[in-house]
Amino acid sequence: MPPPHPPPDFYQVQLTVLAVFCAVATVVERYISWQKKKASGEANAPKVEERALLEGSTSSGKDIFAVLRRNYLLVYGIVMGADWLQGPYVYSLYREQYGYSERVVGFLFVTGFTAAGFSGPFVGVWADKFGRKRICLWFCIAYAFACLCTLSGWIPILFAGRLVSGFATAILFSCFETWVVSASQSAGVSQAGLSTILGDAMLINGIAASVAGVVSNQLVATVHTFTSPFILSGVLLVASWFMISKLWTENYGAQDASVGVGKWDILQLGRLRQAFDIVRRDPALLVLGLRQTCFEGSMYIFVFLW
């Protein structure tokens, strides 16, 4: 006899309880931190990132930090929400709606991961060469195209969508962060200010994941098709394209003549050789990469089997 299934609202109740707990913990942590600063006489002192920007008679330093933070986090929250919308129903779309075997679904998953792995080393150097804003705009187009491919049950189109999706994923988890790092340096934002922005981005990522999971579940329950989260994801990606075009400025990587920058080299093999040499000389970077690989691999195996 199979074990009884939890009631339909079981996961929603658990999510609500955990969300309230996290919100209360965040408020308590902020209050304790403020009390400690107050006790040490730092409660009324300017924030580190604001103080660093205001040095050198820059009256608009605080505004620069606020604008950069807002422009990045607004776009980042939307693109991560678009990404998280797709996650819960990729397997169900291939297996249940289109009826492909477990083996074919596995090949579809592996195709996306392989595409992300092989394109990962190249998207970074392309972003340095052609512009990080431009590459992020390509991401929106590519990922929206991948969402469009899910509307067809024809296997070649599904494989094409997975290839493009893997390429877009490599951009999502590299170029967006490098853009904000470079933009903060150009704006004169301190390291503490950049840390604040990246910390807020991680918080927004967690919120986006939770909200996207609930929204995608409600969409499927309402319209009774597993393609609905992908359609909404595509809409968000189109909106992100317009936001990036309007709100972001372009920035590039450092030009290094020793690796042939300035010549037409679409693969940027000189930069890749330089990166390989850096990793080879620093074993800590190799260990970090291997640990990240093992973590991500185990997580995706769990997602596939679950």
C-alpha atoms as a PDB file:
ATOM      1  CA  MET A   1       0.000   0.000   0.000  1.00  0.00           C
ATOM      2  CA  PRO A   2       1.565   3.343  -0.978  1.00  0.00           C
ATOM      3  CA  PRO A   3       2.153   5.905   1.753  1.00  0.00           C
ATOM      4  CA  PRO A   4      -0.566   8.571   2.091  1.00  0.00           C
ATOM      5  CA  HIS A   5       0.063  11.830   0.284  1.00  0.00           C
ATOM      6  CA  PRO A   6       0.165  15.059   2.285  1.00  0.00           C
ATOM      7  CA  PRO A   7      -2.850  17.388   1.908  1.00  0.00           C
ATOM      8  CA  PRO A   8      -2.652  19.894  -0.979  1.00  0.00           C
ATOM      9  CA  ASP A   9      -1.911  22.826   1.311  1.00  0.00           C
ATOM     10  CA  PHE A  10       0.793  21.022   3.305  1.00  0.00           C
ATOM     11  CA  TYR A  11       3.727  22.617   1.488  1.00  0.00           C
ATOM     12  CA  GLN A  12       2.111  26.059   1.488  1.00  0.00           C
ATOM     13  CA  VAL A  13       1.724  25.881   5.262  1.00  0.00           C
ATOM     14  CA  GLN A  14       5.324  24.808   5.696  1.00  0.00           C
ATOM     15  CA  LEU A  15       6.510  27.610   3.407  1.00  0.00           C
ATOM     16  CA  THR A  16       4.483  30.199   5.325  1.00  0.00           C
ATOM     17  CA  VAL A  17       5.847  29.038   8.680  1.00  0.00           C
ATOM     18  CA  LEU A  18       9.444  29.073   7.445  1.00  0.00           C
ATOM     19  CA  ALA A  19       8.997  32.468   5.757  1.00  0.00           C
ATOM     20  CA  VAL A  20       7.659  34.002   8.967  1.00  0.00           C
ATOM     21  CA  PHE A  21      10.497  32.439  10.944  1.00  0.00           C
ATOM     22  CA  CYS A  22      13.115  33.829   8.538  1.00  0.00           C
ATOM     23  CA  ALA A  23      11.520  37.283   8.606  1.00  0.00           C
ATOM     24  CA  VAL A  24      11.506  37.338  12.402  1.00  0.00           C
ATOM     25  CA  ALA A  25      15.108  36.079  12.527  1.00  0.00           C
ATOM     26  CA  THR A  26      16.182  38.826  10.104  1.00  0.00           C
ATOM     27  CA  VAL A  27      14.500  41.527  12.175  1.00  0.00           C
ATOM     28  CA  VAL A  28      16.049  40.191  15.385  1.00  0.00           C
ATOM     29  CA  GLU A  29      19.499  40.026  13.784  1.00  0.00           C
ATOM     30  CA  ARG A  30      19.209  43.620  12.530  1.00  0.00           C
ATOM     31  CA  TYR A  31      18.038  44.789  15.960  1.00  0.00           C
ATOM     32  CA  ILE A  32      20.879  43.043  17.782  1.00  0.00           C
ATOM     33  CA  SER A  33      23.402  44.470  15.298  1.00  0.00           C
ATOM     34  CA  TRP A  34      21.976  47.975  15.793  1.00  0.00           C
ATOM     35  CA  GLN A  35      22.120  47.603  19.570  1.00  0.00           C
ATOM     36  CA  LYS A  36      25.770  46.616  19.389  1.00  0.00           C
ATOM     37  CA  LYS A  37      26.575  49.629  17.220  1.00  0.00           C
ATOM     38  CA  LYS A  38      24.640  51.870  19.544  1.00  0.00           C
ATOM     39  CA  ALA A  39      26.553  50.576  22.542  1.00  0.00           C
ATOM     40  CA  SER A  40      29.854  51.277  20.776  1.00  0.00           C
ATOM     41  CA  GLY A  41      28.786  54.743  19.636  1.00  0.00           C
ATOM     42  CA  GLU A  42      28.496  53.796  15.935  1.00  0.00           C
ATOM     43  CA  ALA A  43      24.717  53.786  15.533  1.00  0.00           C
ATOM     44  CA  ASN A  44      24.599  57.306  14.169  1.00  0.00           C
ATOM     45  CA  ALA A  45      27.799  57.029  12.096  1.00  0.00           C
ATOM     46  CA  PRO A  46      27.389  56.911   8.298  1.00  0.00           C
ATOM     47  CA  LYS A  47      27.395  53.541   6.656  1.00  0.00           C
ATOM     48  CA  VAL A  48      30.736  52.332   5.343  1.00  0.00           C
ATOM     49  CA  GLU A  49      29.688  52.376   1.707  1.00  0.00           C
ATOM     50  CA  GLU A  50      28.120  55.840   2.033  1.00  0.00           C
ATOM     51  CA  ARG A  51      31.123  57.250   3.868  1.00  0.00           C
ATOM     52  CA  ALA A  52      33.523  55.877   1.248  1.00  0.00           C
ATOM     53  CA  LEU A  53      31.517  57.445  -1.550  1.00  0.00           C
ATOM     54  CA  LEU A  54      31.113  60.785   0.200  1.00  0.00           C
ATOM     55  CA  GLU A  55      34.849  61.206   0.661  1.00  0.00           C
ATOM     56  CA  GLY A  56      36.450  63.562  -1.849  1.00  0.00           C
ATOM     57  CA  SER A  57      33.608  66.125  -1.734  1.00  0.00           C
ATOM     58  CA  THR A  58      31.180  63.988  -3.723  1.00  0.00           C
ATOM     59  CA  SER A  59      27.765  65.205  -2.623  1.00  0.00           C
ATOM     60  CA  SER A  60      25.899  62.608  -4.687  1.00  0.00           C
ATOM     61  CA  GLY A  61      27.820  59.580  -3.436  1.00  0.00           C
ATOM     62  CA  LYS A  62      24.877  58.159  -1.537  1.00  0.00           C
ATOM     63  CA  ASP A  63      22.618  58.570  -4.573  1.00  0.00           C
ATOM     64  CA  ILE A  64      25.136  56.774  -6.817  1.00  0.00           C
ATOM     65  CA  PHE A  65      25.194  53.782  -4.512  1.00  0.00           C
ATOM     66  CA  ALA A  66      21.391  53.733  -4.186  1.00  0.00           C
ATOM     67  CA  VAL A  67      20.826  53.962  -7.943  1.00  0.00           C
ATOM     68  CA  LEU A  68      23.331  51.199  -8.743  1.00  0.00           C
ATOM     69  CA  ARG A  69      21.868  48.979  -6.036  1.00  0.00           C
ATOM     70  CA  ARG A  70      18.311  49.536  -7.256  1.00  0.00           C
ATOM     71  CA  ASN A  71      19.094  49.046 -10.946  1.00  0.00           C
ATOM     72  CA  TYR A  72      20.983  45.811 -10.369  1.00  0.00           C
ATOM     73  CA  LEU A  73      18.680  44.229  -7.805  1.00  0.00           C
ATOM     74  CA  LEU A  74      15.540  45.018  -9.804  1.00  0.00           C
ATOM     75  CA  VAL A  75      16.877  43.236 -12.885  1.00  0.00           C
ATOM     76  CA  TYR A  76      18.518  40.441 -10.889  1.00  0.00           C
ATOM     77  CA  GLY A  77      15.336  39.656  -8.979  1.00  0.00           C
ATOM     78  CA  ILE A  78      13.298  39.397 -12.188  1.00  0.00           C
ATOM     79  CA  VAL A  79      15.768  37.219 -14.111  1.00  0.00           C
ATOM     80  CA  MET A  80      16.211  34.891 -11.153  1.00  0.00           C
ATOM     81  CA  GLY A  81      12.450  34.690 -10.776  1.00  0.00           C
ATOM     82  CA  ALA A  82      12.232  33.778 -14.461  1.00  0.00           C
ATOM     83  CA  ASP A  83      14.826  31.054 -13.914  1.00  0.00           C
ATOM     84  CA  TRP A  84      13.161  29.639 -10.795  1.00  0.00           C
ATOM     85  CA  LEU A  85       9.737  29.558 -12.477  1.00  0.00           C
ATOM     86  CA  GLN A  86      10.980  26.882 -14.866  1.00  0.00           C
ATOM     87  CA  GLY A  87      12.689  24.584 -12.378  1.00  0.00           C
ATOM     88  CA  PRO A  88       9.739  22.773 -10.756  1.00  0.00           C
ATOM     89  CA  TYR A  89       8.156  21.542 -13.987  1.00  0.00           C
ATOM     90  CA  VAL A  90      10.951  20.786 -16.438  1.00  0.00           C
ATOM     91  CA  TYR A  91      10.821  17.066 -15.668  1.00  0.00           C
ATOM     92  CA  SER A  92       7.021  16.963 -15.559  1.00  0.00           C
ATOM     93  CA  LEU A  93       6.792  18.744 -18.910  1.00  0.00           C
ATOM     94  CA  TYR A  94       8.993  16.193 -20.677  1.00  0.00           C
ATOM     95  CA  ARG A  95       7.822  13.078 -18.857  1.00  0.00           C
ATOM     96  CA  GLU A  96       4.123  13.635 -18.152  1.00  0.00           C
ATOM     97  CA  GLN A  97       2.879  16.148 -20.712  1.00  0.00           C
ATOM     98  CA  TYR A  98       4.949  15.041 -23.716  1.00  0.00           C
ATOM     99  CA  GLY A  99       5.270  11.420 -22.605  1.00  0.00           C
ATOM    100  CA  TYR A 100       8.970  10.854 -23.239  1.00  0.00           C
ATOM    101  CA  SER A 101      10.760   8.007 -21.515  1.00  0.00           C
ATOM    102  CA  GLU A 102      12.995   8.428 -18.509  1.00  0.00           C
ATOM    103  CA  ARG A 103      16.024   7.852 -20.695  1.00  0.00           C
ATOM    104  CA  VAL A 104      15.084  10.617 -23.141  1.00  0.00           C
ATOM    105  CA  VAL A 105      14.334  13.018 -20.302  1.00  0.00           C
ATOM    106  CA  GLY A 106      17.732  12.225 -18.858  1.00  0.00           C
ATOM    107  CA  PHE A 107      19.382  13.048 -22.173  1.00  0.00           C
ATOM    108  CA  LEU A 108      17.487  16.350 -22.291  1.00  0.00           C
ATOM    109  CA  PHE A 109      18.733  17.279 -18.840  1.00  0.00           C
ATOM    110  CA  VAL A 110      22.309  16.256 -19.618  1.00  0.00           C
ATOM    111  CA  THR A 111      22.216  18.269 -22.846  1.00  0.00           C
ATOM    112  CA  GLY A 112      21.430  21.452 -20.938  1.00  0.00           C
ATOM    113  CA  PHE A 113      24.086  20.845 -18.299  1.00  0.00           C
ATOM    114  CA  THR A 114      26.695  19.951 -20.902  1.00  0.00           C
ATOM    115  CA  ALA A 115      25.937  23.088 -22.909  1.00  0.00           C
ATOM    116  CA  ALA A 116      26.296  25.190 -19.774  1.00  0.00           C
ATOM    117  CA  GLY A 117      29.575  23.509 -18.900  1.00  0.00           C
ATOM    118  CA  PHE A 118      31.173  23.949 -22.312  1.00  0.00           C
ATOM    119  CA  SER A 119      29.957  27.510 -22.830  1.00  0.00           C
ATOM    120  CA  GLY A 120      30.892  28.645 -19.315  1.00  0.00           C
ATOM    121  CA  PRO A 121      34.570  29.353 -20.065  1.00  0.00           C
ATOM    122  CA  PHE A 122      33.674  31.333 -23.175  1.00  0.00           C
ATOM    123  CA  VAL A 123      30.869  33.606 -21.973  1.00  0.00           C
ATOM    124  CA  GLY A 124      33.195  35.314 -19.518  1.00  0.00           C
ATOM    125  CA  VAL A 125      35.765  36.276 -22.123  1.00  0.00           C
ATOM    126  CA  TRP A 126      33.020  37.227 -24.585  1.00  0.00           C
ATOM    127  CA  ALA A 127      31.539  39.528 -21.959  1.00  0.00           C
ATOM    128  CA  ASP A 128      34.963  41.130 -21.386  1.00  0.00           C
ATOM    129  CA  LYS A 129      35.426  41.589 -25.109  1.00  0.00           C
ATOM    130  CA  PHE A 130      31.970  42.570 -26.365  1.00  0.00           C
ATOM    131  CA  GLY A 131      30.463  44.103 -23.231  1.00  0.00           C
ATOM    132  CA  ARG A 132      28.733  42.628 -20.194  1.00  0.00           C
ATOM    133  CA  LYS A 133      25.498  44.518 -20.729  1.00  0.00           C
ATOM    134  CA  ARG A 134      25.334  43.208 -24.292  1.00  0.00           C
ATOM    135  CA  ILE A 135      25.902  39.623 -23.167  1.00  0.00           C
ATOM    136  CA  CYS A 136      23.178  39.971 -20.520  1.00  0.00           C
ATOM    137  CA  LEU A 137      20.823  41.192 -23.243  1.00  0.00           C
ATOM    138  CA  TRP A 138      21.747  38.097 -25.248  1.00  0.00           C
ATOM    139  CA  PHE A 139      20.869  36.049 -22.183  1.00  0.00           C
ATOM    140  CA  CYS A 140      17.334  37.440 -22.130  1.00  0.00           C
ATOM    141  CA  ILE A 141      16.859  36.639 -25.822  1.00  0.00           C
ATOM    142  CA  ALA A 142      18.377  33.153 -25.561  1.00  0.00           C
ATOM    143  CA  TYR A 143      16.474  32.135 -22.434  1.00  0.00           C
ATOM    144  CA  ALA A 144      13.191  33.480 -23.840  1.00  0.00           C
ATOM    145  CA  PHE A 145      13.834  31.407 -26.985  1.00  0.00           C
ATOM    146  CA  ALA A 146      14.431  28.339 -24.798  1.00  0.00           C
ATOM    147  CA  CYS A 147      11.076  28.963 -23.107  1.00  0.00           C
ATOM    148  CA  LEU A 148       9.443  29.200 -26.525  1.00  0.00           C
ATOM    149  CA  CYS A 149      10.905  25.818 -27.462  1.00  0.00           C
ATOM    150  CA  THR A 150       9.040  24.146 -24.584  1.00  0.00           C
ATOM    151  CA  LEU A 151       5.740  24.869 -26.342  1.00  0.00           C
ATOM    152  CA  SER A 152       6.584  22.201 -28.912  1.00  0.00           C
ATOM    153  CA  GLY A 153       6.687  18.523 -28.119  1.00  0.00           C
ATOM    154  CA  TRP A 154       8.942  17.734 -31.101  1.00  0.00           C
ATOM    155  CA  ILE A 155      12.151  16.274 -29.720  1.00  0.00           C
ATOM    156  CA  PRO A 156      14.633  18.195 -31.972  1.00  0.00           C
ATOM    157  CA  ILE A 157      13.127  21.499 -30.837  1.00  0.00           C
ATOM    158  CA  LEU A 158      13.270  20.399 -27.205  1.00  0.00           C
ATOM    159  CA  PHE A 159      16.947  19.510 -27.571  1.00  0.00           C
ATOM    160  CA  ALA A 160      17.605  22.859 -29.256  1.00  0.00           C
ATOM    161  CA  GLY A 161      15.889  24.583 -26.366  1.00  0.00           C
ATOM    162  CA  ARG A 162      18.044  22.718 -23.852  1.00  0.00           C
ATOM    163  CA  LEU A 163      21.218  23.706 -25.721  1.00  0.00           C
ATOM    164  CA  VAL A 164      20.248  27.370 -25.734  1.00  0.00           C
ATOM    165  CA  SER A 165      19.075  27.150 -22.126  1.00  0.00           C
ATOM    166  CA  GLY A 166      22.465  25.805 -21.053  1.00  0.00           C
ATOM    167  CA  PHE A 167      24.236  28.663 -22.808  1.00  0.00           C
ATOM    168  CA  ALA A 168      21.908  31.174 -21.145  1.00  0.00           C
ATOM    169  CA  THR A 169      22.434  29.607 -17.719  1.00  0.00           C
ATOM    170  CA  ALA A 170      26.200  30.069 -18.048  1.00  0.00           C
ATOM    171  CA  ILE A 171      25.591  33.771 -18.688  1.00  0.00           C
ATOM    172  CA  LEU A 172      23.157  34.119 -15.792  1.00  0.00           C
ATOM    173  CA  PHE A 173      25.590  32.804 -13.203  1.00  0.00           C
ATOM    174  CA  SER A 174      28.624  34.770 -14.388  1.00  0.00           C
ATOM    175  CA  CYS A 175      28.009  37.919 -16.412  1.00  0.00           C
ATOM    176  CA  PHE A 176      25.384  39.556 -14.218  1.00  0.00           C
ATOM    177  CA  GLU A 177      27.676  39.513 -11.210  1.00  0.00           C
ATOM    178  CA  THR A 178      30.708  40.697 -13.178  1.00  0.00           C
ATOM    179  CA  TRP A 179      28.629  43.584 -14.511  1.00  0.00           C
ATOM    180  CA  VAL A 180      27.747  44.870 -11.057  1.00  0.00           C
ATOM    181  CA  VAL A 181      31.325  44.419  -9.816  1.00  0.00           C
ATOM    182  CA  SER A 182      32.693  46.478 -12.700  1.00  0.00           C
ATOM    183  CA  ALA A 183      29.901  49.067 -12.432  1.00  0.00           C
ATOM    184  CA  SER A 184      30.548  49.512  -8.706  1.00  0.00           C
ATOM    185  CA  GLN A 185      34.255  50.034  -9.319  1.00  0.00           C
ATOM    186  CA  SER A 186      33.544  52.618 -12.015  1.00  0.00           C
ATOM    187  CA  ALA A 187      31.115  54.430  -9.696  1.00  0.00           C
ATOM    188  CA  GLY A 188      33.597  54.468  -6.812  1.00  0.00           C
ATOM    189  CA  VAL A 189      31.540  52.190  -4.557  1.00  0.00           C
ATOM    190  CA  SER A 190      33.599  50.682  -1.752  1.00  0.00           C
ATOM    191  CA  GLN A 191      34.128  46.967  -1.223  1.00  0.00           C
ATOM    192  CA  ALA A 192      31.731  47.120   1.718  1.00  0.00           C
ATOM    193  CA  GLY A 193      29.112  48.685  -0.537  1.00  0.00           C
ATOM    194  CA  LEU A 194      29.601  45.993  -3.167  1.00  0.00           C
ATOM    195  CA  SER A 195      29.303  43.323  -0.467  1.00  0.00           C
ATOM    196  CA  THR A 196      26.007  44.894   0.588  1.00  0.00           C
ATOM    197  CA  ILE A 197      24.658  44.710  -2.961  1.00  0.00           C
ATOM    198  CA  LEU A 198      25.740  41.100  -3.449  1.00  0.00           C
ATOM    199  CA  GLY A 199      24.338  40.131  -0.052  1.00  0.00           C
ATOM    200  CA  ASP A 200      21.006  41.721  -0.935  1.00  0.00           C
ATOM    201  CA  ALA A 201      21.086  39.845  -4.250  1.00  0.00           C
ATOM    202  CA  MET A 202      21.389  36.519  -2.441  1.00  0.00           C
ATOM    203  CA  LEU A 203      18.450  37.437  -0.210  1.00  0.00           C
ATOM    204  CA  ILE A 204      16.364  38.423  -3.233  1.00  0.00           C
ATOM    205  CA  ASN A 205      17.353  35.181  -4.962  1.00  0.00           C
ATOM    206  CA  GLY A 206      15.955  33.177  -2.060  1.00  0.00           C
ATOM    207  CA  ILE A 207      12.747  35.191  -2.019  1.00  0.00           C
ATOM    208  CA  ALA A 208      12.407  34.854  -5.799  1.00  0.00           C
ATOM    209  CA  ALA A 209      12.837  31.077  -5.565  1.00  0.00           C
ATOM    210  CA  SER A 210      10.097  30.766  -2.939  1.00  0.00           C
ATOM    211  CA  VAL A 211       7.661  33.063  -4.720  1.00  0.00           C
ATOM    212  CA  ALA A 212       8.349  31.484  -8.121  1.00  0.00           C
ATOM    213  CA  GLY A 213       7.682  28.010  -6.737  1.00  0.00           C
ATOM    214  CA  VAL A 214       4.293  29.047  -5.387  1.00  0.00           C
ATOM    215  CA  VAL A 215       3.372  30.978  -8.546  1.00  0.00           C
ATOM    216  CA  SER A 216       4.349  28.155 -10.905  1.00  0.00           C
ATOM    217  CA  ASN A 217       2.367  25.676  -8.820  1.00  0.00           C
ATOM    218  CA  GLN A 218      -0.722  27.892  -8.916  1.00  0.00           C
ATOM    219  CA  LEU A 219      -0.332  28.468 -12.654  1.00  0.00           C
ATOM    220  CA  VAL A 220      -0.233  24.750 -13.417  1.00  0.00           C
ATOM    221  CA  ALA A 221      -3.165  24.100 -11.099  1.00  0.00           C
ATOM    222  CA  THR A 222      -5.186  26.864 -12.780  1.00  0.00           C
ATOM    223  CA  VAL A 223      -4.514  26.338 -16.498  1.00  0.00           C
ATOM    224  CA  HIS A 224      -3.680  22.598 -16.307  1.00  0.00           C
ATOM    225  CA  THR A 225      -0.593  22.691 -18.519  1.00  0.00           C
ATOM    226  CA  PHE A 226       3.055  22.427 -17.575  1.00  0.00           C
ATOM    227  CA  THR A 227       4.044  24.996 -20.190  1.00  0.00           C
ATOM    228  CA  SER A 228       2.409  27.895 -18.307  1.00  0.00           C
ATOM    229  CA  PRO A 229       5.403  28.633 -16.010  1.00  0.00           C
ATOM    230  CA  PHE A 230       7.666  28.758 -19.068  1.00  0.00           C
ATOM    231  CA  ILE A 231       5.369  31.247 -20.792  1.00  0.00           C
ATOM    232  CA  LEU A 232       5.397  33.524 -17.749  1.00  0.00           C
ATOM    233  CA  SER A 233       9.171  33.116 -17.528  1.00  0.00           C
ATOM    234  CA  GLY A 234       9.486  34.269 -21.136  1.00  0.00           C
ATOM    235  CA  VAL A 235       7.388  37.349 -20.380  1.00  0.00           C
ATOM    236  CA  LEU A 236       9.657  38.230 -17.450  1.00  0.00           C
ATOM    237  CA  LEU A 237      12.735  37.780 -19.624  1.00  0.00           C
ATOM    238  CA  VAL A 238      11.365  40.167 -22.237  1.00  0.00           C
ATOM    239  CA  ALA A 239      10.676  42.695 -19.479  1.00  0.00           C
ATOM    240  CA  SER A 240      14.238  42.188 -18.206  1.00  0.00           C
ATOM    241  CA  TRP A 241      15.623  42.914 -21.672  1.00  0.00           C
ATOM    242  CA  PHE A 242      13.938  46.319 -21.696  1.00  0.00           C
ATOM    243  CA  MET A 243      15.078  47.069 -18.135  1.00  0.00           C
ATOM    244  CA  ILE A 244      18.694  46.218 -18.878  1.00  0.00           C
ATOM    245  CA  SER A 245      18.577  48.318 -22.032  1.00  0.00           C
ATOM    246  CA  LYS A 246      17.204  51.286 -20.105  1.00  0.00           C
ATOM    247  CA  LEU A 247      18.885  51.090 -16.711  1.00  0.00           C
ATOM    248  CA  TRP A 248      22.343  49.577 -17.250  1.00  0.00           C
ATOM    249  CA  THR A 249      25.459  51.105 -18.735  1.00  0.00           C
ATOM    250  CA  GLU A 250      28.003  49.104 -20.707  1.00  0.00           C
ATOM    251  CA  ASN A 251      31.326  47.972 -19.260  1.00  0.00           C
ATOM    252  CA  TYR A 252      34.143  45.801 -20.559  1.00  0.00           C
ATOM    253  CA  GLY A 253      37.001  43.713 -19.252  1.00  0.00           C
ATOM    254  CA  ALA A 254      40.589  44.924 -19.075  1.00  0.00           C
ATOM    255  CA  GLN A 255      42.380  45.028 -22.410  1.00  0.00           C
ATOM    256  CA  ASP A 256      45.526  42.909 -22.368  1.00  0.00           C
ATOM    257  CA  ALA A 257      47.673  42.923 -25.500  1.00  0.00           C
ATOM    258  CA  SER A 258      49.670  39.932 -24.288  1.00  0.00           C
ATOM    259  CA  VAL A 259      46.729  37.631 -24.951  1.00  0.00           C
ATOM    260  CA  GLY A 260      45.806  39.075 -28.318  1.00  0.00           C
ATOM    261  CA  VAL A 261      42.883  41.273 -27.304  1.00  0.00           C
ATOM    262  CA  GLY A 262      41.919  43.516 -30.187  1.00  0.00           C
ATOM    263  CA  LYS A 263      42.308  40.776 -32.793  1.00  0.00           C
ATOM    264  CA  TRP A 264      39.325  38.888 -34.064  1.00  0.00           C
ATOM    265  CA  ASP A 265      39.222  35.747 -31.957  1.00  0.00           C
ATOM    266  CA  ILE A 266      35.686  34.653 -31.247  1.00  0.00           C
ATOM    267  CA  LEU A 267      36.836  31.931 -28.868  1.00  0.00           C
ATOM    268  CA  GLN A 268      39.342  34.216 -27.110  1.00  0.00           C
ATOM    269  CA  LEU A 269      41.758  31.311 -26.730  1.00  0.00           C
ATOM    270  CA  GLY A 270      44.516  33.593 -25.449  1.00  0.00           C
ATOM    271  CA  ARG A 271      42.433  34.593 -22.452  1.00  0.00           C
ATOM    272  CA  LEU A 272      41.414  30.988 -21.840  1.00  0.00           C
ATOM    273  CA  ARG A 273      45.067  29.912 -21.773  1.00  0.00           C
ATOM    274  CA  GLN A 274      45.828  32.689 -19.330  1.00  0.00           C
ATOM    275  CA  ALA A 275      42.925  31.607 -17.092  1.00  0.00           C
ATOM    276  CA  PHE A 276      44.098  27.989 -17.248  1.00  0.00           C
ATOM    277  CA  ASP A 277      47.598  29.032 -16.179  1.00  0.00           C
ATOM    278  CA  ILE A 278      46.195  30.968 -13.221  1.00  0.00           C
ATOM    279  CA  VAL A 279      44.201  27.956 -12.027  1.00  0.00           C
ATOM    280  CA  ARG A 280      47.188  25.648 -12.567  1.00  0.00           C
ATOM    281  CA  ARG A 281      49.428  27.868 -10.433  1.00  0.00           C
ATOM    282  CA  ASP A 282      46.884  28.184  -7.624  1.00  0.00           C
ATOM    283  CA  PRO A 283      45.598  24.779  -6.418  1.00  0.00           C
ATOM    284  CA  ALA A 284      43.081  26.516  -4.150  1.00  0.00           C
ATOM    285  CA  LEU A 285      41.150  27.687  -7.204  1.00  0.00           C
ATOM    286  CA  LEU A 286      41.099  24.154  -8.610  1.00  0.00           C
ATOM    287  CA  VAL A 287      39.872  22.739  -5.289  1.00  0.00           C
ATOM    288  CA  LEU A 288      37.184  25.415  -5.087  1.00  0.00           C
ATOM    289  CA  GLY A 289      36.007  24.583  -8.597  1.00  0.00           C
ATOM    290  CA  LEU A 290      35.903  20.852  -7.873  1.00  0.00           C
ATOM    291  CA  ARG A 291      33.958  21.395  -4.654  1.00  0.00           C
ATOM    292  CA  GLN A 292      31.454  23.580  -6.478  1.00  0.00           C
ATOM    293  CA  THR A 293      31.148  20.938  -9.195  1.00  0.00           C
ATOM    294  CA  CYS A 294      30.434  18.183  -6.674  1.00  0.00           C
ATOM    295  CA  PHE A 295      27.862  20.305  -4.864  1.00  0.00           C
ATOM    296  CA  GLU A 296      26.034  21.340  -8.025  1.00  0.00           C
ATOM    297  CA  GLY A 297      26.184  17.800  -9.411  1.00  0.00           C
ATOM    298  CA  SER A 298      24.673  16.243  -6.304  1.00  0.00           C
ATOM    299  CA  MET A 299      21.963  18.923  -6.203  1.00  0.00           C
ATOM    300  CA  TYR A 300      20.915  18.338  -9.816  1.00  0.00           C
ATOM    301  CA  ILE A 301      20.902  14.565  -9.346  1.00  0.00           C
ATOM    302  CA  PHE A 302      18.525  15.090  -6.424  1.00  0.00           C
ATOM    303  CA  VAL A 303      16.316  17.397  -8.502  1.00  0.00           C
ATOM    304  CA  PHE A 304      16.157  14.898 -11.368  1.00  0.00           C
ATOM    305  CA  LEU A 305      15.364  11.888  -9.184  1.00  0.00           C
ATOM    306  CA  TRP A 306      12.916  13.762  -6.966  1.00  0.00           C
END
